[in-house]
PDB file of N, CA and C in Angstrom:
ATOM      1  N   MET A   1      97.911  68.193-154.038  1.00  0.00           N
ATOM      2  CA  MET A   1      96.608  67.710-154.478  1.00  0.00           C
ATOM      3  C   MET A   1      95.964  66.893-153.357  1.00  0.00           C
ATOM      4  N   ASN A   2      94.674  67.060-153.226  1.00  0.00           N
ATOM      5  CA  ASN A   2      93.900  66.316-152.240  1.00  0.00           C
ATOM      6  C   ASN A   2      93.221  65.130-152.903  1.00  0.00           C
ATOM      7  N   GLN A   3      92.889  64.138-152.094  1.00  0.00           N
ATOM      8  CA  GLN A   3      92.163  62.987-152.612  1.00  0.00           C
ATOM      9  C   GLN A   3      90.689  63.145-152.272  1.00  0.00           C
ATOM     10  N   TYR A   4      89.833  62.917-153.261  1.00  0.00           N
ATOM     11  CA  TYR A   4      88.392  63.075-153.108  1.00  0.00           C
ATOM     12  C   TYR A   4      87.677  61.810-153.547  1.00  0.00           C
ATOM     13  N   GLU A   5      86.454  61.691-153.073  1.00  0.00           N
ATOM     14  CA  GLU A   5      85.585  60.595-153.473  1.00  0.00           C
ATOM     15  C   GLU A   5      84.219  61.217-153.758  1.00  0.00           C
ATOM     16  N   THR A   6      83.659  60.906-154.890  1.00  0.00           N
ATOM     17  CA  THR A   6      82.333  61.417-155.212  1.00  0.00           C
ATOM     18  C   THR A   6      81.433  60.257-155.630  1.00  0.00           C
ATOM     19  N   VAL A   7      80.205  60.315-155.143  1.00  0.00           N
ATOM     20  CA  VAL A   7      79.179  59.352-155.528  1.00  0.00           C
ATOM     21  C   VAL A   7      78.045  60.155-156.126  1.00  0.00           C
ATOM     22  N   PHE A   8      77.601  59.744-157.300  1.00  0.00           N
ATOM     23  CA  PHE A   8      76.447  60.420-157.880  1.00  0.00           C
ATOM     24  C   PHE A   8      75.447  59.400-158.380  1.00  0.00           C
ATOM     25  N   ILE A   9      74.191  59.828-158.390  1.00  0.00           N
ATOM     26  CA  ILE A   9      73.087  58.953-158.783  1.00  0.00           C
ATOM     27  C   ILE A   9      72.491  59.498-160.071  1.00  0.00           C
ATOM     28  N   LEU A  10      72.449  58.651-161.087  1.00  0.00           N
ATOM     29  CA  LEU A  10      71.870  59.030-162.374  1.00  0.00           C
ATOM     30  C   LEU A  10      70.448  58.494-162.467  1.00  0.00           C
ATOM     31  N   THR A  11      69.621  59.198-163.199  1.00  0.00           N
ATOM     32  CA  THR A  11      68.223  58.823-163.363  1.00  0.00           C
ATOM     33  C   THR A  11      68.102  57.429-163.991  1.00  0.00           C
ATOM     34  N   PRO A  12      67.135  56.629-163.566  1.00  0.00           N
ATOM     35  CA  PRO A  12      67.032  55.246-164.041  1.00  0.00           C
ATOM     36  C   PRO A  12      66.466  55.092-165.452  1.00  0.00           C
ATOM     37  N   VAL A  13      65.989  56.157-166.064  1.00  0.00           N
ATOM     38  CA  VAL A  13      65.384  56.037-167.396  1.00  0.00           C
ATOM     39  C   VAL A  13      66.432  56.044-168.511  1.00  0.00           C
ATOM     40  N   LEU A  14      67.712  56.095-168.157  1.00  0.00           N
ATOM     41  CA  LEU A  14      68.772  56.143-169.162  1.00  0.00           C
ATOM     42  C   LEU A  14      69.075  54.746-169.701  1.00  0.00           C
ATOM     43  N   SER A  15      69.463  54.697-170.963  1.00  0.00           N
ATOM     44  CA  SER A  15      69.969  53.441-171.522  1.00  0.00           C
ATOM     45  C   SER A  15      71.414  53.273-171.066  1.00  0.00           C
ATOM     46  N   ASP A  16      71.991  52.113-171.308  1.00  0.00           N
ATOM     47  CA  ASP A  16      73.385  51.883-170.922  1.00  0.00           C
ATOM     48  C   ASP A  16      74.323  52.867-171.613  1.00  0.00           C
ATOM     49  N   ASP A  17      74.061  53.140-172.888  1.00  0.00           N
ATOM     50  CA  ASP A  17      74.909  54.075-173.630  1.00  0.00           C
ATOM     51  C   ASP A  17      74.821  55.479-173.053  1.00  0.00           C
ATOM     52  N   GLN A  18      73.617  55.917-172.706  1.00  0.00           N
ATOM     53  CA  GLN A  18      73.443  57.251-172.131  1.00  0.00           C
ATOM     54  C   GLN A  18      74.113  57.359-170.770  1.00  0.00           C
ATOM     55  N   MET A  19      74.047  56.271-169.990  1.00  0.00           N
ATOM     56  CA  MET A  19      74.687  56.277-168.681  1.00  0.00           C
ATOM     57  C   MET A  19      76.203  56.365-168.842  1.00  0.00           C
ATOM     58  N   LYS A  20      76.767  55.569-169.739  1.00  0.00           N
ATOM     59  CA  LYS A  20      78.212  55.597-169.974  1.00  0.00           C
ATOM     60  C   LYS A  20      78.653  56.960-170.501  1.00  0.00           C
ATOM     61  N   GLU A  21      77.818  57.561-171.339  1.00  0.00           N
ATOM     62  CA  GLU A  21      78.114  58.889-171.875  1.00  0.00           C
ATOM     63  C   GLU A  21      78.172  59.927-170.748  1.00  0.00           C
ATOM     64  N   ALA A  22      77.233  59.852-169.813  1.00  0.00           N
ATOM     65  CA  ALA A  22      77.216  60.785-168.682  1.00  0.00           C
ATOM     66  C   ALA A  22      78.449  60.588-167.801  1.00  0.00           C
ATOM     67  N   VAL A  23      78.810  59.342-167.528  1.00  0.00           N
ATOM     68  CA  VAL A  23      79.994  59.055-166.712  1.00  0.00           C
ATOM     69  C   VAL A  23      81.244  59.563-167.420  1.00  0.00           C
ATOM     70  N   ASN A  24      81.334  59.343-168.721  1.00  0.00           N
ATOM     71  CA  ASN A  24      82.487  59.829-169.494  1.00  0.00           C
ATOM     72  C   ASN A  24      82.569  61.351-169.468  1.00  0.00           C
ATOM     73  N   LYS A  25      81.422  62.008-169.482  1.00  0.00           N
ATOM     74  CA  LYS A  25      81.390  63.469-169.424  1.00  0.00           C
ATOM     75  C   LYS A  25      82.027  63.958-168.125  1.00  0.00           C
ATOM     76  N   PHE A  26      81.642  63.361-166.996  1.00  0.00           N
ATOM     77  CA  PHE A  26      82.181  63.806-165.708  1.00  0.00           C
ATOM     78  C   PHE A  26      83.639  63.393-165.539  1.00  0.00           C
ATOM     79  N   ARG A  27      84.008  62.236-166.074  1.00  0.00           N
ATOM     80  CA  ARG A  27      85.413  61.823-166.059  1.00  0.00           C
ATOM     81  C   ARG A  27      86.240  62.823-166.876  1.00  0.00           C
ATOM     82  N   GLY A  28      85.705  63.241-168.017  1.00  0.00           N
ATOM     83  CA  GLY A  28      86.391  64.219-168.869  1.00  0.00           C
ATOM     84  C   GLY A  28      86.561  65.566-168.185  1.00  0.00           C
ATOM     85  N   ILE A  29      85.544  65.991-167.453  1.00  0.00           N
ATOM     86  CA  ILE A  29      85.643  67.264-166.720  1.00  0.00           C
ATOM     87  C   ILE A  29      86.792  67.189-165.724  1.00  0.00           C
ATOM     88  N   LEU A  30      86.900  66.062-165.039  1.00  0.00           N
ATOM     89  CA  LEU A  30      87.977  65.900-164.058  1.00  0.00           C
ATOM     90  C   LEU A  30      89.344  65.897-164.734  1.00  0.00           C
ATOM     91  N   THR A  31      89.507  65.080-165.762  1.00  0.00           N
ATOM     92  CA  THR A  31      90.821  64.967-166.398  1.00  0.00           C
ATOM     93  C   THR A  31      91.211  66.250-167.131  1.00  0.00           C
ATOM     94  N   ASP A  32      90.241  66.956-167.702  1.00  0.00           N
ATOM     95  CA  ASP A  32      90.535  68.222-168.379  1.00  0.00           C
ATOM     96  C   ASP A  32      91.033  69.284-167.409  1.00  0.00           C
ATOM     97  N   ASN A  33      90.642  69.165-166.141  1.00  0.00           N
ATOM     98  CA  ASN A  33      91.057  70.133-165.127  1.00  0.00           C
ATOM     99  C   ASN A  33      92.242  69.632-164.298  1.00  0.00           C
ATOM    100  N   GLY A  34      92.920  68.606-164.782  1.00  0.00           N
ATOM    101  CA  GLY A  34      94.154  68.153-164.152  1.00  0.00           C
ATOM    102  C   GLY A  34      93.993  67.130-163.047  1.00  0.00           C
ATOM    103  N   ALA A  35      92.831  66.543-162.911  1.00  0.00           N
ATOM    104  CA  ALA A  35      92.622  65.534-161.867  1.00  0.00           C
ATOM    105  C   ALA A  35      93.148  64.180-162.332  1.00  0.00           C
ATOM    106  N   GLU A  36      93.559  63.376-161.368  1.00  0.00           N
ATOM    107  CA  GLU A  36      94.026  62.021-161.642  1.00  0.00           C
ATOM    108  C   GLU A  36      92.998  61.056-161.062  1.00  0.00           C
ATOM    109  N   ILE A  37      92.345  60.296-161.921  1.00  0.00           N
ATOM    110  CA  ILE A  37      91.315  59.362-161.462  1.00  0.00           C
ATOM    111  C   ILE A  37      91.995  58.101-160.951  1.00  0.00           C
ATOM    112  N   ILE A  38      91.688  57.754-159.706  1.00  0.00           N
ATOM    113  CA  ILE A  38      92.294  56.600-159.052  1.00  0.00           C
ATOM    114  C   ILE A  38      91.433  55.358-159.238  1.00  0.00           C
ATOM    115  N   ASN A  39      90.125  55.518-159.038  1.00  0.00           N
ATOM    116  CA  ASN A  39      89.230  54.369-159.083  1.00  0.00           C
ATOM    117  C   ASN A  39      87.853  54.836-159.541  1.00  0.00           C
ATOM    118  N   GLU A  40      87.192  53.963-160.259  1.00  0.00           N
ATOM    119  CA  GLU A  40      85.814  54.243-160.700  1.00  0.00           C
ATOM    120  C   GLU A  40      85.029  52.949-160.583  1.00  0.00           C
ATOM    121  N   GLU A  41      83.863  53.034-159.947  1.00  0.00           N
ATOM    122  CA  GLU A  41      83.030  51.850-159.785  1.00  0.00           C
ATOM    123  C   GLU A  41      81.602  52.174-160.190  1.00  0.00           C
ATOM    124  N   ASN A  42      81.014  51.246-160.912  1.00  0.00           N
ATOM    125  CA  ASN A  42      79.598  51.344-161.260  1.00  0.00           C
ATOM    126  C   ASN A  42      78.860  50.377-160.339  1.00  0.00           C
ATOM    127  N   TRP A  43      78.105  50.914-159.403  1.00  0.00           N
ATOM    128  CA  TRP A  43      77.390  50.079-158.445  1.00  0.00           C
ATOM    129  C   TRP A  43      76.073  49.576-159.011  1.00  0.00           C
ATOM    130  N   GLY A  44      75.685  50.058-160.163  1.00  0.00           N
ATOM    131  CA  GLY A  44      74.486  49.565-160.821  1.00  0.00           C
ATOM    132  C   GLY A  44      73.204  50.240-160.354  1.00  0.00           C
ATOM    133  N   LEU A  45      72.109  49.648-160.774  1.00  0.00           N
ATOM    134  CA  LEU A  45      70.778  50.176-160.452  1.00  0.00           C
ATOM    135  C   LEU A  45      70.399  49.731-159.046  1.00  0.00           C
ATOM    136  N   LYS A  46      70.132  50.703-158.179  1.00  0.00           N
ATOM    137  CA  LYS A  46      69.788  50.403-156.785  1.00  0.00           C
ATOM    138  C   LYS A  46      68.507  51.148-156.404  1.00  0.00           C
ATOM    139  N   LYS A  47      67.833  50.599-155.418  1.00  0.00           N
ATOM    140  CA  LYS A  47      66.627  51.233-154.898  1.00  0.00           C
ATOM    141  C   LYS A  47      67.026  52.404-154.011  1.00  0.00           C
ATOM    142  N   LEU A  48      66.353  53.524-154.163  1.00  0.00           N
ATOM    143  CA  LEU A  48      66.615  54.700-153.354  1.00  0.00           C
ATOM    144  C   LEU A  48      65.897  54.579-152.008  1.00  0.00           C
ATOM    145  N   ALA A  49      66.423  55.224-150.990  1.00  0.00           N
ATOM    146  CA  ALA A  49      65.805  55.192-149.668  1.00  0.00           C
ATOM    147  C   ALA A  49      64.470  55.943-149.677  1.00  0.00           C
ATOM    148  N   TYR A  50      64.380  56.952-150.527  1.00  0.00           N
ATOM    149  CA  TYR A  50      63.143  57.711-150.677  1.00  0.00           C
ATOM    150  C   TYR A  50      63.063  58.198-152.124  1.00  0.00           C
ATOM    151  N   ALA A  51      61.873  58.500-152.567  1.00  0.00           N
ATOM    152  CA  ALA A  51      61.674  58.918-153.962  1.00  0.00           C
ATOM    153  C   ALA A  51      62.311  60.287-154.208  1.00  0.00           C
ATOM    154  N   ILE A  52      63.005  60.389-155.327  1.00  0.00           N
ATOM    155  CA  ILE A  52      63.579  61.653-155.781  1.00  0.00           C
ATOM    156  C   ILE A  52      63.004  61.920-157.149  1.00  0.00           C
ATOM    157  N   GLU A  53      62.324  63.046-157.296  1.00  0.00           N
ATOM    158  CA  GLU A  53      61.671  63.394-158.568  1.00  0.00           C
ATOM    159  C   GLU A  53      60.784  62.248-159.053  1.00  0.00           C
ATOM    160  N   LYS A  54      60.054  61.630-158.144  1.00  0.00           N
ATOM    161  CA  LYS A  54      59.119  60.527-158.409  1.00  0.00           C
ATOM    162  C   LYS A  54      59.801  59.270-158.956  1.00  0.00           C
ATOM    163  N   LYS A  55      61.101  59.139-158.697  1.00  0.00           N
ATOM    164  CA  LYS A  55      61.848  57.947-159.116  1.00  0.00           C
ATOM    165  C   LYS A  55      62.267  57.182-157.872  1.00  0.00           C
ATOM    166  N   SER A  56      62.129  55.864-157.910  1.00  0.00           N
ATOM    167  CA  SER A  56      62.458  55.053-156.740  1.00  0.00           C
ATOM    168  C   SER A  56      63.779  54.294-156.898  1.00  0.00           C
ATOM    169  N   THR A  57      64.405  54.366-158.082  1.00  0.00           N
ATOM    170  CA  THR A  57      65.691  53.718-158.312  1.00  0.00           C
ATOM    171  C   THR A  57      66.634  54.686-159.025  1.00  0.00           C
ATOM    172  N   GLY A  58      67.913  54.332-159.038  1.00  0.00           N
ATOM    173  CA  GLY A  58      68.897  55.158-159.734  1.00  0.00           C
ATOM    174  C   GLY A  58      70.191  54.392-159.929  1.00  0.00           C
ATOM    175  N   PHE A  59      70.990  54.817-160.896  1.00  0.00           N
ATOM    176  CA  PHE A  59      72.299  54.235-161.166  1.00  0.00           C
ATOM    177  C   PHE A  59      73.335  54.937-160.285  1.00  0.00           C
ATOM    178  N   TYR A  60      74.013  54.184-159.434  1.00  0.00           N
ATOM    179  CA  TYR A  60      75.029  54.729-158.540  1.00  0.00           C
ATOM    180  C   TYR A  60      76.415  54.584-159.173  1.00  0.00           C
ATOM    181  N   ILE A  61      77.188  55.674-159.126  1.00  0.00           N
ATOM    182  CA  ILE A  61      78.549  55.687-159.653  1.00  0.00           C
ATOM    183  C   ILE A  61      79.469  56.266-158.581  1.00  0.00           C
ATOM    184  N   LEU A  62      80.605  55.616-158.342  1.00  0.00           N
ATOM    185  CA  LEU A  62      81.614  56.094-157.399  1.00  0.00           C
ATOM    186  C   LEU A  62      82.871  56.438-158.171  1.00  0.00           C
ATOM    187  N   MET A  63      83.468  57.595-157.872  1.00  0.00           N
ATOM    188  CA  MET A  63      84.755  57.976-158.459  1.00  0.00           C
ATOM    189  C   MET A  63      85.672  58.449-157.354  1.00  0.00           C
ATOM    190  N   GLU A  64      86.891  57.928-157.345  1.00  0.00           N
ATOM    191  CA  GLU A  64      87.935  58.408-156.448  1.00  0.00           C
ATOM    192  C   GLU A  64      88.980  59.086-157.314  1.00  0.00           C
ATOM    193  N   PHE A  65      89.425  60.261-156.881  1.00  0.00           N
ATOM    194  CA  PHE A  65      90.386  60.995-157.694  1.00  0.00           C
ATOM    195  C   PHE A  65      91.202  61.948-156.842  1.00  0.00           C
ATOM    196  N   LYS A  66      92.347  62.357-157.394  1.00  0.00           N
ATOM    197  CA  LYS A  66      93.191  63.380-156.780  1.00  0.00           C
ATOM    198  C   LYS A  66      93.064  64.633-157.633  1.00  0.00           C
ATOM    199  N   ALA A  67      92.824  65.768-156.960  1.00  0.00           N
ATOM    200  CA  ALA A  67      92.625  67.009-157.701  1.00  0.00           C
ATOM    201  C   ALA A  67      92.897  68.206-156.805  1.00  0.00           C
ATOM    202  N   GLN A  68      93.042  69.351-157.440  1.00  0.00           N
ATOM    203  CA  GLN A  68      93.124  70.611-156.714  1.00  0.00           C
ATOM    204  C   GLN A  68      91.715  70.984-156.235  1.00  0.00           C
ATOM    205  N   PRO A  69      91.599  71.722-155.134  1.00  0.00           N
ATOM    206  CA  PRO A  69      90.272  72.063-154.602  1.00  0.00           C
ATOM    207  C   PRO A  69      89.373  72.831-155.579  1.00  0.00           C
ATOM    208  N   GLU A  70      89.952  73.605-156.482  1.00  0.00           N
ATOM    209  CA  GLU A  70      89.146  74.390-157.434  1.00  0.00           C
ATOM    210  C   GLU A  70      88.364  73.495-158.394  1.00  0.00           C
ATOM    211  N   VAL A  71      88.874  72.294-158.641  1.00  0.00           N
ATOM    212  CA  VAL A  71      88.235  71.370-159.587  1.00  0.00           C
ATOM    213  C   VAL A  71      86.867  70.917-159.061  1.00  0.00           C
ATOM    214  N   ILE A  72      86.730  70.814-157.747  1.00  0.00           N
ATOM    215  CA  ILE A  72      85.488  70.339-157.145  1.00  0.00           C
ATOM    216  C   ILE A  72      84.331  71.274-157.477  1.00  0.00           C
ATOM    217  N   LYS A  73      84.588  72.552-157.417  1.00  0.00           N
ATOM    218  CA  LYS A  73      83.528  73.525-157.730  1.00  0.00           C
ATOM    219  C   LYS A  73      83.057  73.352-159.172  1.00  0.00           C
ATOM    220  N   THR A  74      83.989  73.195-160.090  1.00  0.00           N
ATOM    221  CA  THR A  74      83.640  72.991-161.503  1.00  0.00           C
ATOM    222  C   THR A  74      82.830  71.720-161.683  1.00  0.00           C
ATOM    223  N   LEU A  75      83.260  70.645-161.027  1.00  0.00           N
ATOM    224  CA  LEU A  75      82.560  69.361-161.135  1.00  0.00           C
ATOM    225  C   LEU A  75      81.137  69.476-160.595  1.00  0.00           C
ATOM    226  N   GLU A  76      80.981  70.095-159.426  1.00  0.00           N
ATOM    227  CA  GLU A  76      79.656  70.178-158.807  1.00  0.00           C
ATOM    228  C   GLU A  76      78.716  71.109-159.578  1.00  0.00           C
ATOM    229  N   VAL A  77      79.246  72.145-160.195  1.00  0.00           N
ATOM    230  CA  VAL A  77      78.413  72.994-161.050  1.00  0.00           C
ATOM    231  C   VAL A  77      77.858  72.174-162.211  1.00  0.00           C
ATOM    232  N   ASN A  78      78.701  71.316-162.784  1.00  0.00           N
ATOM    233  CA  ASN A  78      78.249  70.469-163.886  1.00  0.00           C
ATOM    234  C   ASN A  78      77.255  69.406-163.423  1.00  0.00           C
ATOM    235  N   PHE A  79      77.422  68.890-162.201  1.00  0.00           N
ATOM    236  CA  PHE A  79      76.423  67.974-161.647  1.00  0.00           C
ATOM    237  C   PHE A  79      75.069  68.674-161.540  1.00  0.00           C
ATOM    238  N   ARG A  80      75.075  69.902-161.036  1.00  0.00           N
ATOM    239  CA  ARG A  80      73.816  70.639-160.853  1.00  0.00           C
ATOM    240  C   ARG A  80      73.141  70.966-162.186  1.00  0.00           C
ATOM    241  N   ARG A  81      73.924  71.201-163.212  1.00  0.00           N
ATOM    242  CA  ARG A  81      73.363  71.581-164.519  1.00  0.00           C
ATOM    243  C   ARG A  81      72.834  70.395-165.310  1.00  0.00           C
ATOM    244  N   ASP A  82      73.300  69.206-165.002  1.00  0.00           N
ATOM    245  CA  ASP A  82      72.914  68.021-165.765  1.00  0.00           C
ATOM    246  C   ASP A  82      71.635  67.428-165.191  1.00  0.00           C
ATOM    247  N   GLU A  83      70.600  67.363-165.997  1.00  0.00           N
ATOM    248  CA  GLU A  83      69.311  66.852-165.521  1.00  0.00           C
ATOM    249  C   GLU A  83      69.314  65.343-165.319  1.00  0.00           C
ATOM    250  N   LYS A  84      70.351  64.646-165.791  1.00  0.00           N
ATOM    251  CA  LYS A  84      70.447  63.197-165.591  1.00  0.00           C
ATOM    252  C   LYS A  84      70.872  62.850-164.162  1.00  0.00           C
ATOM    253  N   VAL A  85      71.471  63.812-163.449  1.00  0.00           N
ATOM    254  CA  VAL A  85      71.978  63.570-162.101  1.00  0.00           C
ATOM    255  C   VAL A  85      70.884  63.887-161.087  1.00  0.00           C
ATOM    256  N   LEU A  86      70.520  62.858-160.296  1.00  0.00           N
ATOM    257  CA  LEU A  86      69.513  63.054-159.256  1.00  0.00           C
ATOM    258  C   LEU A  86      70.143  63.651-157.998  1.00  0.00           C
ATOM    259  N   ARG A  87      71.242  63.065-157.546  1.00  0.00           N
ATOM    260  CA  ARG A  87      71.955  63.520-156.358  1.00  0.00           C
ATOM    261  C   ARG A  87      73.448  63.262-156.535  1.00  0.00           C
ATOM    262  N   PHE A  88      74.257  64.001-155.758  1.00  0.00           N
ATOM    263  CA  PHE A  88      75.697  63.779-155.752  1.00  0.00           C
ATOM    264  C   PHE A  88      76.249  64.184-154.397  1.00  0.00           C
ATOM    265  N   LEU A  89      77.381  63.606-154.055  1.00  0.00           N
ATOM    266  CA  LEU A  89      78.075  63.955-152.824  1.00  0.00           C
ATOM    267  C   LEU A  89      79.568  63.771-153.057  1.00  0.00           C
ATOM    268  N   THR A  90      80.339  64.819-152.769  1.00  0.00           N
ATOM    269  CA  THR A  90      81.784  64.768-152.908  1.00  0.00           C
ATOM    270  C   THR A  90      82.400  65.029-151.546  1.00  0.00           C
ATOM    271  N   ILE A  91      83.324  64.175-151.145  1.00  0.00           N
ATOM    272  CA  ILE A  91      84.007  64.367-149.869  1.00  0.00           C
ATOM    273  C   ILE A  91      85.511  64.374-150.080  1.00  0.00           C
ATOM    274  N   LYS A  92      86.202  65.131-149.233  1.00  0.00           N
ATOM    275  CA  LYS A  92      87.662  65.118-149.210  1.00  0.00           C
ATOM    276  C   LYS A  92      88.064  63.994-148.271  1.00  0.00           C
ATOM    277  N   MET A  93      88.893  63.094-148.770  1.00  0.00           N
ATOM    278  CA  MET A  93      89.287  61.936-147.979  1.00  0.00           C
ATOM    279  C   MET A  93      90.486  62.283-147.103  1.00  0.00           C
ATOM    280  N   GLU A  94      90.360  61.950-145.833  1.00  0.00           N
ATOM    281  CA  GLU A  94      91.480  62.107-144.924  1.00  0.00           C
ATOM    282  C   GLU A  94      92.470  60.973-145.162  1.00  0.00           C
ATOM    283  N   LYS A  95      93.601  61.058-144.493  1.00  0.00           N
ATOM    284  CA  LYS A  95      94.665  60.073-144.680  1.00  0.00           C
ATOM    285  C   LYS A  95      94.168  58.645-144.419  1.00  0.00           C
ATOM    286  N   TYR A  96      93.438  58.452-143.330  1.00  0.00           N
ATOM    287  CA  TYR A  96      92.990  57.109-142.966  1.00  0.00           C
ATOM    288  C   TYR A  96      91.892  56.604-143.905  1.00  0.00           C
ATOM    289  N   ALA A  97      91.040  57.489-144.371  1.00  0.00           N
ATOM    290  CA  ALA A  97      90.003  57.100-145.328  1.00  0.00           C
ATOM    291  C   ALA A  97      90.636  56.686-146.650  1.00  0.00           C
ATOM    292  N   ALA A  98      91.669  57.399-147.072  1.00  0.00           N
ATOM    293  CA  ALA A  98      92.362  57.060-148.316  1.00  0.00           C
ATOM    294  C   ALA A  98      93.056  55.701-148.193  1.00  0.00           C
ATOM    295  N   GLU A  99      93.662  55.437-147.020  1.00  0.00           N
ATOM    296  CA  GLU A  99      94.304  54.137-146.800  1.00  0.00           C
ATOM    297  C   GLU A  99      93.274  53.010-146.828  1.00  0.00           C
ATOM    298  N   TYR A 100      92.127  53.241-146.182  1.00  0.00           N
ATOM    299  CA  TYR A 100      91.071  52.231-146.166  1.00  0.00           C
ATOM    300  C   TYR A 100      90.567  51.955-147.585  1.00  0.00           C
ATOM    301  N   ALA A 101      90.369  53.017-148.364  1.00  0.00           N
ATOM    302  CA  ALA A 101      89.890  52.854-149.738  1.00  0.00           C
ATOM    303  C   ALA A 101      90.885  52.053-150.571  1.00  0.00           C
ATOM    304  N   GLU A 102      92.172  52.288-150.345  1.00  0.00           N
ATOM    305  CA  GLU A 102      93.195  51.536-151.081  1.00  0.00           C
ATOM    306  C   GLU A 102      93.171  50.062-150.690  1.00  0.00           C
ATOM    307  N   LYS A 103      93.021  49.770-149.392  1.00  0.00           N
ATOM    308  CA  LYS A 103      92.923  48.379-148.942  1.00  0.00           C
ATOM    309  C   LYS A 103      91.695  47.711-149.537  1.00  0.00           C
ATOM    310  N   ARG A 104      90.590  48.438-149.572  1.00  0.00           N
ATOM    311  CA  ARG A 104      89.342  47.902-150.125  1.00  0.00           C
ATOM    312  C   ARG A 104      89.512  47.557-151.601  1.00  0.00           C
ATOM    313  N   ARG A 105      90.166  48.452-152.359  1.00  0.00           N
ATOM    314  CA  ARG A 105      90.418  48.188-153.784  1.00  0.00           C
ATOM    315  C   ARG A 105      91.315  46.967-153.959  1.00  0.00           C
ATOM    316  N   ASN A 106      92.362  46.862-153.126  1.00  0.00           N
ATOM    317  CA  ASN A 106      93.285  45.732-153.238  1.00  0.00           C
ATOM    318  C   ASN A 106      92.584  44.424-152.906  1.00  0.00           C
ATOM    319  N   ASN A 107      91.748  44.411-151.869  1.00  0.00           N
ATOM    320  CA  ASN A 107      91.008  43.195-151.516  1.00  0.00           C
ATOM    321  C   ASN A 107      90.033  42.822-152.612  1.00  0.00           C
ATOM    322  N   LYS A 108      89.411  43.811-153.215  1.00  0.00           N
ATOM    323  CA  LYS A 108      88.458  43.551-154.290  1.00  0.00           C
ATOM    324  C   LYS A 108      89.165  42.944-155.507  1.00  0.00           C
ATOM    325  N   SER A 109      90.344  43.476-155.835  1.00  0.00           N
ATOM    326  CA  SER A 109      91.071  42.955-156.996  1.00  0.00           C
ATOM    327  C   SER A 109      91.581  41.537-156.727  1.00  0.00           C
ATOM    328  N   LYS A 110      91.932  41.218-155.473  1.00  0.00           N
ATOM    329  CA  LYS A 110      92.358  39.852-155.148  1.00  0.00           C
ATOM    330  C   LYS A 110      91.213  38.864-155.283  1.00  0.00           C
ATOM    331  N   LYS A 111      90.011  39.279-154.887  1.00  0.00           N
ATOM    332  CA  LYS A 111      88.847  38.395-154.988  1.00  0.00           C
ATOM    333  C   LYS A 111      88.471  38.127-156.437  1.00  0.00           C
ATOM    334  N   GLU A 112      88.723  39.109-157.313  1.00  0.00           N
ATOM    335  CA  GLU A 112      88.384  38.942-158.727  1.00  0.00           C
ATOM    336  C   GLU A 112      89.352  38.018-159.440  1.00  0.00           C
ATOM    337  N   ASP A 113      90.586  37.895-158.909  1.00  0.00           N
ATOM    338  CA  ASP A 113      91.599  37.037-159.542  1.00  0.00           C
ATOM    339  C   ASP A 113      91.330  35.607-159.343  1.00  0.00           C
TER     340      ASP A 113
END
């Protein structure tokens, strides 16, 4: 299994419940296809660098997970079909990127304690 990181931007007109529902939908797609979710972060409502579909803000969500390569195609098809998703980007993490992400998570959890 490879380690991946995906960031997607949801439309800002969603309520908190609708946003959580969308995130749960994509988390479910991953887990139903055998992926192991390592980390999930809600970065909140942020200003976009440029307008997308006449929207200047969006909800940013980060997910780190381990999955087989076939799962990515299924996930991205669902991103494209969902009108709540403005943009998405999925990358395969190399060994050093995965180590850095783990250090970042550990430092973040220490600061919260």
